PDB file of N, CA and C in Angstrom:
ATOM      1  N   MET A   1      -2.512  22.356   9.639  1.00  0.00           N
ATOM      2  CA  MET A   1      -1.845  22.165  10.855  1.00  0.00           C
ATOM      3  C   MET A   1      -1.661  22.933  12.001  1.00  0.00           C
ATOM      4  N   THR A   2      -1.763  24.249  11.567  1.00  0.00           N
ATOM      5  CA  THR A   2      -1.857  25.313  12.418  1.00  0.00           C
ATOM      6  C   THR A   2      -3.046  25.470  13.511  1.00  0.00           C
ATOM      7  N   GLU A   3      -4.138  24.581  13.231  1.00  0.00           N
ATOM      8  CA  GLU A   3      -5.240  24.551  14.161  1.00  0.00           C
ATOM      9  C   GLU A   3      -5.214  23.446  14.871  1.00  0.00           C
ATOM     10  N   GLY A   4      -4.110  22.563  15.196  1.00  0.00           N
ATOM     11  CA  GLY A   4      -3.887  21.707  15.498  1.00  0.00           C
ATOM     12  C   GLY A   4      -4.504  20.261  15.288  1.00  0.00           C
ATOM     13  N   THR A   5      -5.023  20.305  14.041  1.00  0.00           N
ATOM     14  CA  THR A   5      -5.527  19.036  13.476  1.00  0.00           C
ATOM     15  C   THR A   5      -4.783  18.371  12.505  1.00  0.00           C
ATOM     16  N   MET A   6      -4.802  17.212  12.301  1.00  0.00           N
ATOM     17  CA  MET A   6      -4.077  16.485  11.189  1.00  0.00           C
ATOM     18  C   MET A   6      -5.244  16.097   9.980  1.00  0.00           C
ATOM     19  N   PRO A   7      -4.538  16.366   8.758  1.00  0.00           N
ATOM     20  CA  PRO A   7      -5.419  16.206   7.588  1.00  0.00           C
ATOM     21  C   PRO A   7      -5.726  14.973   6.994  1.00  0.00           C
ATOM     22  N   PHE A   8      -5.791  13.859   8.036  1.00  0.00           N
ATOM     23  CA  PHE A   8      -6.270  12.527   7.450  1.00  0.00           C
ATOM     24  C   PHE A   8      -7.164  11.927   8.427  1.00  0.00           C
ATOM     25  N   PHE A   9      -7.659  10.702   8.011  1.00  0.00           N
ATOM     26  CA  PHE A   9      -8.590   9.888   9.145  1.00  0.00           C
ATOM     27  C   PHE A   9      -8.223   8.554   8.953  1.00  0.00           C
ATOM     28  N   LEU A  10      -8.781   7.553   9.549  1.00  0.00           N
ATOM     29  CA  LEU A  10      -9.100   6.204   9.469  1.00  0.00           C
ATOM     30  C   LEU A  10     -10.305   5.739  10.377  1.00  0.00           C
ATOM     31  N   LEU A  11     -11.051   4.974   9.740  1.00  0.00           N
ATOM     32  CA  LEU A  11     -12.196   4.596  10.379  1.00  0.00           C
ATOM     33  C   LEU A  11     -12.070   2.711  10.368  1.00  0.00           C
ATOM     34  N   GLY A  12     -11.929   2.177  11.386  1.00  0.00           N
ATOM     35  CA  GLY A  12     -12.248   0.846  11.588  1.00  0.00           C
ATOM     36  C   GLY A  12     -11.656  -0.102  10.549  1.00  0.00           C
ATOM     37  N   TRP A  13     -10.485   0.147  10.195  1.00  0.00           N
ATOM     38  CA  TRP A  13     -10.107  -0.824   9.052  1.00  0.00           C
ATOM     39  C   TRP A  13      -9.317  -1.629   9.841  1.00  0.00           C
ATOM     40  N   TYR A  14      -9.374  -3.319   9.253  1.00  0.00           N
ATOM     41  CA  TYR A  14      -8.328  -4.311   9.886  1.00  0.00           C
ATOM     42  C   TYR A  14      -8.311  -5.393   8.642  1.00  0.00           C
ATOM     43  N   PRO A  15      -7.189  -5.868   8.262  1.00  0.00           N
ATOM     44  CA  PRO A  15      -6.849  -6.805   7.466  1.00  0.00           C
ATOM     45  C   PRO A  15      -7.484  -7.953   7.506  1.00  0.00           C
ATOM     46  N   ASP A  16      -8.002  -8.467   6.451  1.00  0.00           N
ATOM     47  CA  ASP A  16      -8.553  -9.717   6.362  1.00  0.00           C
ATOM     48  C   ASP A  16      -7.729 -11.009   6.737  1.00  0.00           C
ATOM     49  N   TYR A  17      -6.667 -10.828   6.285  1.00  0.00           N
ATOM     50  CA  TYR A  17      -5.727 -11.874   6.261  1.00  0.00           C
ATOM     51  C   TYR A  17      -4.355 -11.277   6.555  1.00  0.00           C
ATOM     52  N   LEU A  18      -3.182 -12.263   7.065  1.00  0.00           N
ATOM     53  CA  LEU A  18      -1.919 -11.691   6.989  1.00  0.00           C
ATOM     54  C   LEU A  18      -0.947 -11.762   6.014  1.00  0.00           C
ATOM     55  N   ASP A  19      -0.959 -10.996   5.139  1.00  0.00           N
ATOM     56  CA  ASP A  19      -0.256 -10.939   3.978  1.00  0.00           C
ATOM     57  C   ASP A  19      -0.045  -9.345   3.590  1.00  0.00           C
ATOM     58  N   PRO A  20       1.103  -9.332   2.970  1.00  0.00           N
ATOM     59  CA  PRO A  20       1.593  -7.672   2.439  1.00  0.00           C
ATOM     60  C   PRO A  20       0.662  -7.412   1.643  1.00  0.00           C
ATOM     61  N   ASP A  21      -0.105  -8.073   0.656  1.00  0.00           N
ATOM     62  CA  ASP A  21      -0.851  -7.526   0.150  1.00  0.00           C
ATOM     63  C   ASP A  21      -2.440  -6.854   0.586  1.00  0.00           C
ATOM     64  N   ASN A  22      -2.601  -7.704   1.449  1.00  0.00           N
ATOM     65  CA  ASN A  22      -3.714  -7.058   2.194  1.00  0.00           C
ATOM     66  C   ASN A  22      -3.713  -5.560   2.849  1.00  0.00           C
ATOM     67  N   TYR A  23      -2.393  -5.547   3.097  1.00  0.00           N
ATOM     68  CA  TYR A  23      -2.135  -4.143   3.733  1.00  0.00           C
ATOM     69  C   TYR A  23      -1.899  -2.951   2.859  1.00  0.00           C
ATOM     70  N   THR A  24      -1.094  -3.245   1.731  1.00  0.00           N
ATOM     71  CA  THR A  24      -0.420  -2.378   0.860  1.00  0.00           C
ATOM     72  C   THR A  24      -1.545  -2.300  -0.229  1.00  0.00           C
ATOM     73  N   TRP A  25      -2.466  -2.981  -0.767  1.00  0.00           N
ATOM     74  CA  TRP A  25      -3.217  -2.773  -1.987  1.00  0.00           C
ATOM     75  C   TRP A  25      -4.351  -1.681  -1.521  1.00  0.00           C
ATOM     76  N   SER A  26      -4.900  -1.845  -0.527  1.00  0.00           N
ATOM     77  CA  SER A  26      -6.144  -1.052   0.069  1.00  0.00           C
ATOM     78  C   SER A  26      -5.539   0.455   0.152  1.00  0.00           C
ATOM     79  N   TRP A  27      -4.349   0.539   0.613  1.00  0.00           N
ATOM     80  CA  TRP A  27      -3.827   1.976   0.942  1.00  0.00           C
ATOM     81  C   TRP A  27      -2.897   2.331  -0.123  1.00  0.00           C
ATOM     82  N   GLY A  28      -2.417   1.790  -1.115  1.00  0.00           N
ATOM     83  CA  GLY A  28      -1.387   2.009  -2.177  1.00  0.00           C
ATOM     84  C   GLY A  28      -1.687   2.295  -3.530  1.00  0.00           C
ATOM     85  N   HIS A  29      -2.851   1.205  -3.981  1.00  0.00           N
ATOM     86  CA  HIS A  29      -3.113   1.045  -5.512  1.00  0.00           C
ATOM     87  C   HIS A  29      -4.307   1.992  -5.773  1.00  0.00           C
ATOM     88  N   THR A  30      -3.900   2.464  -6.888  1.00  0.00           N
ATOM     89  CA  THR A  30      -4.735   3.422  -7.476  1.00  0.00           C
ATOM     90  C   THR A  30      -6.293   3.202  -7.435  1.00  0.00           C
ATOM     91  N   ASP A  31      -6.574   1.948  -7.782  1.00  0.00           N
ATOM     92  CA  ASP A  31      -8.057   1.248  -7.853  1.00  0.00           C
ATOM     93  C   ASP A  31      -8.473   1.194  -6.503  1.00  0.00           C
ATOM     94  N   ALA A  32      -7.727   1.092  -5.459  1.00  0.00           N
ATOM     95  CA  ALA A  32      -8.326   0.616  -4.471  1.00  0.00           C
ATOM     96  C   ALA A  32      -8.529   2.042  -3.426  1.00  0.00           C
ATOM     97  N   SER A  33      -7.214   2.753  -3.513  1.00  0.00           N
ATOM     98  CA  SER A  33      -7.420   3.743  -2.235  1.00  0.00           C
ATOM     99  C   SER A  33      -8.338   4.723  -2.398  1.00  0.00           C
ATOM    100  N   ASP A  34      -9.082   4.907  -3.446  1.00  0.00           N
ATOM    101  CA  ASP A  34     -10.219   5.825  -3.288  1.00  0.00           C
ATOM    102  C   ASP A  34     -11.380   5.248  -2.311  1.00  0.00           C
ATOM    103  N   ASP A  35     -11.378   3.956  -2.301  1.00  0.00           N
ATOM    104  CA  ASP A  35     -12.476   3.264  -1.473  1.00  0.00           C
ATOM    105  C   ASP A  35     -12.017   3.592   0.031  1.00  0.00           C
ATOM    106  N   MET A  36     -10.761   3.732   0.156  1.00  0.00           N
ATOM    107  CA  MET A  36     -10.636   4.028   1.759  1.00  0.00           C
ATOM    108  C   MET A  36     -10.158   5.771   2.049  1.00  0.00           C
ATOM    109  N   GLY A  37     -10.791   6.469   0.982  1.00  0.00           N
ATOM    110  CA  GLY A  37     -10.611   7.740   1.227  1.00  0.00           C
ATOM    111  C   GLY A  37      -9.040   8.405   1.338  1.00  0.00           C
ATOM    112  N   ILE A  38      -8.383   7.448   0.466  1.00  0.00           N
ATOM    113  CA  ILE A  38      -6.804   7.953   0.335  1.00  0.00           C
ATOM    114  C   ILE A  38      -6.549   8.777  -0.615  1.00  0.00           C
ATOM    115  N   PHE A  39      -7.116   8.500  -2.035  1.00  0.00           N
ATOM    116  CA  PHE A  39      -6.841   9.381  -3.324  1.00  0.00           C
ATOM    117  C   PHE A  39      -5.414   9.359  -3.402  1.00  0.00           C
ATOM    118  N   TYR A  40      -4.845   8.289  -3.110  1.00  0.00           N
ATOM    119  CA  TYR A  40      -3.394   8.158  -3.573  1.00  0.00           C
ATOM    120  C   TYR A  40      -3.366   7.586  -5.068  1.00  0.00           C
ATOM    121  N   SER A  41      -2.165   8.079  -5.777  1.00  0.00           N
ATOM    122  CA  SER A  41      -2.074   7.513  -7.280  1.00  0.00           C
ATOM    123  C   SER A  41      -0.528   7.769  -7.711  1.00  0.00           C
ATOM    124  N   ASN A  42      -0.056   6.544  -7.794  1.00  0.00           N
ATOM    125  CA  ASN A  42       1.492   6.465  -8.237  1.00  0.00           C
ATOM    126  C   ASN A  42       1.817   5.306  -9.274  1.00  0.00           C
ATOM    127  N   PRO A  43       1.671   5.418 -10.420  1.00  0.00           N
ATOM    128  CA  PRO A  43       2.304   4.151 -11.475  1.00  0.00           C
ATOM    129  C   PRO A  43       2.945   3.263 -10.957  1.00  0.00           C
ATOM    130  N   GLU A  44       4.026   4.033 -10.360  1.00  0.00           N
ATOM    131  CA  GLU A  44       5.338   2.969  -9.858  1.00  0.00           C
ATOM    132  C   GLU A  44       4.775   1.936  -8.872  1.00  0.00           C
ATOM    133  N   MET A  45       4.132   2.780  -8.087  1.00  0.00           N
ATOM    134  CA  MET A  45       3.543   1.754  -6.660  1.00  0.00           C
ATOM    135  C   MET A  45       2.407   0.773  -7.444  1.00  0.00           C
ATOM    136  N   ASP A  46       1.508   1.308  -8.350  1.00  0.00           N
ATOM    137  CA  ASP A  46       0.549   0.246  -8.911  1.00  0.00           C
ATOM    138  C   ASP A  46       1.431  -0.943  -9.353  1.00  0.00           C
ATOM    139  N   GLU A  47       2.597  -0.639 -10.104  1.00  0.00           N
ATOM    140  CA  GLU A  47       3.370  -1.647 -10.576  1.00  0.00           C
ATOM    141  C   GLU A  47       3.727  -2.744  -9.736  1.00  0.00           C
ATOM    142  N   LEU A  48       4.172  -2.133  -8.678  1.00  0.00           N
ATOM    143  CA  LEU A  48       5.083  -3.012  -7.615  1.00  0.00           C
ATOM    144  C   LEU A  48       3.852  -3.830  -7.114  1.00  0.00           C
ATOM    145  N   LEU A  49       2.766  -3.203  -6.648  1.00  0.00           N
ATOM    146  CA  LEU A  49       1.774  -3.847  -6.007  1.00  0.00           C
ATOM    147  C   LEU A  49       1.238  -5.072  -7.022  1.00  0.00           C
ATOM    148  N   GLU A  50       0.818  -4.764  -8.447  1.00  0.00           N
ATOM    149  CA  GLU A  50       0.358  -5.734  -9.282  1.00  0.00           C
ATOM    150  C   GLU A  50       1.403  -6.731  -9.272  1.00  0.00           C
ATOM    151  N   LYS A  51       2.557  -6.296  -9.214  1.00  0.00           N
ATOM    152  CA  LYS A  51       3.694  -7.418  -9.324  1.00  0.00           C
ATOM    153  C   LYS A  51       3.615  -8.296  -8.097  1.00  0.00           C
ATOM    154  N   GLY A  52       3.467  -7.675  -6.984  1.00  0.00           N
ATOM    155  CA  GLY A  52       3.392  -8.547  -5.738  1.00  0.00           C
ATOM    156  C   GLY A  52       2.335  -9.378  -5.599  1.00  0.00           C
ATOM    157  N   GLN A  53       1.208  -9.144  -6.046  1.00  0.00           N
ATOM    158  CA  GLN A  53      -0.308  -9.863  -6.116  1.00  0.00           C
ATOM    159  C   GLN A  53       0.178 -11.161  -7.165  1.00  0.00           C
ATOM    160  N   VAL A  54       0.876 -11.172  -8.038  1.00  0.00           N
ATOM    161  CA  VAL A  54       0.842 -12.609  -8.993  1.00  0.00           C
ATOM    162  C   VAL A  54       2.224 -13.162  -8.715  1.00  0.00           C
ATOM    163  N   THR A  55       3.127 -12.738  -7.788  1.00  0.00           N
ATOM    164  CA  THR A  55       4.145 -13.421  -7.408  1.00  0.00           C
ATOM    165  C   THR A  55       4.157 -14.216  -6.273  1.00  0.00           C
ATOM    166  N   THR A  56       4.118 -15.759  -6.326  1.00  0.00           N
ATOM    167  CA  THR A  56       3.730 -16.604  -5.383  1.00  0.00           C
ATOM    168  C   THR A  56       4.713 -16.574  -4.060  1.00  0.00           C
ATOM    169  N   PRO A  57       3.953 -16.796  -2.876  1.00  0.00           N
ATOM    170  CA  PRO A  57       4.782 -16.932  -1.685  1.00  0.00           C
ATOM    171  C   PRO A  57       5.888 -18.064  -1.755  1.00  0.00           C
ATOM    172  N   LEU A  58       5.664 -18.862  -2.702  1.00  0.00           N
ATOM    173  CA  LEU A  58       6.909 -19.699  -2.651  1.00  0.00           C
ATOM    174  C   LEU A  58       8.154 -19.130  -3.555  1.00  0.00           C
ATOM    175  N   ARG A  59       8.033 -17.874  -4.038  1.00  0.00           N
ATOM    176  CA  ARG A  59       9.180 -16.910  -4.437  1.00  0.00           C
ATOM    177  C   ARG A  59       9.410 -15.987  -3.242  1.00  0.00           C
ATOM    178  N   GLY A  60       9.443 -16.441  -2.175  1.00  0.00           N
ATOM    179  CA  GLY A  60       9.657 -15.685  -1.160  1.00  0.00           C
ATOM    180  C   GLY A  60      10.450 -14.432  -0.913  1.00  0.00           C
ATOM    181  N   ASP A  61      11.806 -14.582  -1.432  1.00  0.00           N
ATOM    182  CA  ASP A  61      12.733 -13.525  -1.605  1.00  0.00           C
ATOM    183  C   ASP A  61      12.321 -12.471  -2.657  1.00  0.00           C
ATOM    184  N   GLU A  62      11.773 -12.819  -3.494  1.00  0.00           N
ATOM    185  CA  GLU A  62      11.382 -12.016  -4.664  1.00  0.00           C
ATOM    186  C   GLU A  62      10.109 -11.143  -4.178  1.00  0.00           C
ATOM    187  N   ARG A  63       9.313 -11.790  -3.788  1.00  0.00           N
ATOM    188  CA  ARG A  63       8.322 -11.178  -3.229  1.00  0.00           C
ATOM    189  C   ARG A  63       8.315 -10.296  -2.121  1.00  0.00           C
ATOM    190  N   LYS A  64       9.396 -10.565  -1.274  1.00  0.00           N
ATOM    191  CA  LYS A  64       9.571  -9.711   0.093  1.00  0.00           C
ATOM    192  C   LYS A  64      10.138  -8.575  -0.767  1.00  0.00           C
ATOM    193  N   THR A  65      11.314  -8.741  -1.666  1.00  0.00           N
ATOM    194  CA  THR A  65      11.773  -7.550  -2.163  1.00  0.00           C
ATOM    195  C   THR A  65      10.677  -6.519  -2.789  1.00  0.00           C
ATOM    196  N   ILE A  66       9.857  -6.940  -3.512  1.00  0.00           N
ATOM    197  CA  ILE A  66       8.784  -6.136  -4.046  1.00  0.00           C
ATOM    198  C   ILE A  66       8.028  -5.298  -2.791  1.00  0.00           C
ATOM    199  N   TYR A  67       7.860  -6.032  -1.988  1.00  0.00           N
ATOM    200  CA  TYR A  67       7.014  -5.100  -0.664  1.00  0.00           C
ATOM    201  C   TYR A  67       7.909  -4.198  -0.064  1.00  0.00           C
ATOM    202  N   GLU A  68       9.258  -4.583   0.078  1.00  0.00           N
ATOM    203  CA  GLU A  68      10.246  -3.811   0.766  1.00  0.00           C
ATOM    204  C   GLU A  68      10.446  -2.686  -0.106  1.00  0.00           C
ATOM    205  N   ASP A  69      10.173  -2.890  -1.452  1.00  0.00           N
ATOM    206  CA  ASP A  69      10.573  -1.618  -2.596  1.00  0.00           C
ATOM    207  C   ASP A  69       9.165  -0.442  -2.359  1.00  0.00           C
ATOM    208  N   SER A  70       8.006  -1.389  -2.235  1.00  0.00           N
ATOM    209  CA  SER A  70       7.064  -0.456  -1.880  1.00  0.00           C
ATOM    210  C   SER A  70       6.653   0.334  -0.821  1.00  0.00           C
ATOM    211  N   GLN A  71       7.515   0.028   0.267  1.00  0.00           N
ATOM    212  CA  GLN A  71       7.686   0.565   1.560  1.00  0.00           C
ATOM    213  C   GLN A  71       8.395   1.695   1.284  1.00  0.00           C
ATOM    214  N   LYS A  72       9.967   1.297   0.741  1.00  0.00           N
ATOM    215  CA  LYS A  72      10.749   2.477   0.405  1.00  0.00           C
ATOM    216  C   LYS A  72      10.045   3.720  -0.334  1.00  0.00           C
ATOM    217  N   LEU A  73       9.413   3.248  -1.187  1.00  0.00           N
ATOM    218  CA  LEU A  73       8.798   4.293  -2.220  1.00  0.00           C
ATOM    219  C   LEU A  73       7.804   5.329  -1.371  1.00  0.00           C
ATOM    220  N   TRP A  74       6.934   4.539  -0.316  1.00  0.00           N
ATOM    221  CA  TRP A  74       5.959   5.437   0.406  1.00  0.00           C
ATOM    222  C   TRP A  74       6.857   6.072   1.384  1.00  0.00           C
ATOM    223  N   ALA A  75       8.043   5.684   2.011  1.00  0.00           N
ATOM    224  CA  ALA A  75       9.091   6.362   2.828  1.00  0.00           C
ATOM    225  C   ALA A  75       9.350   7.719   2.081  1.00  0.00           C
ATOM    226  N   ARG A  76       9.813   7.555   0.652  1.00  0.00           N
ATOM    227  CA  ARG A  76      10.312   8.619   0.073  1.00  0.00           C
ATOM    228  C   ARG A  76       9.118   9.647  -0.420  1.00  0.00           C
ATOM    229  N   GLU A  77       8.199   9.332  -0.481  1.00  0.00           N
ATOM    230  CA  GLU A  77       6.913  10.253  -0.856  1.00  0.00           C
ATOM    231  C   GLU A  77       6.256  10.779   0.469  1.00  0.00           C
ATOM    232  N   SER A  78       6.910  10.454   1.621  1.00  0.00           N
ATOM    233  CA  SER A  78       6.002  10.755   3.036  1.00  0.00           C
ATOM    234  C   SER A  78       6.398  12.469   3.079  1.00  0.00           C
TER     235      SER A  78
END
């Protein structure tokens, strides 16, 4: 940081579809984040994102809570 540079990068990524999973899995799950050059790994985040994938949109409030919890976890770790 003292050199005026930030230790991260982002190259031309755009979500394929408008769903929280499309945004969070790629950046937050252990199995996917390496592909994006993130190298983030947290078993608690993995569990939330896996649960979010299998919770149907028809269970909207439950699914919303899962992704809200994932955002809170990211914020705590920032």
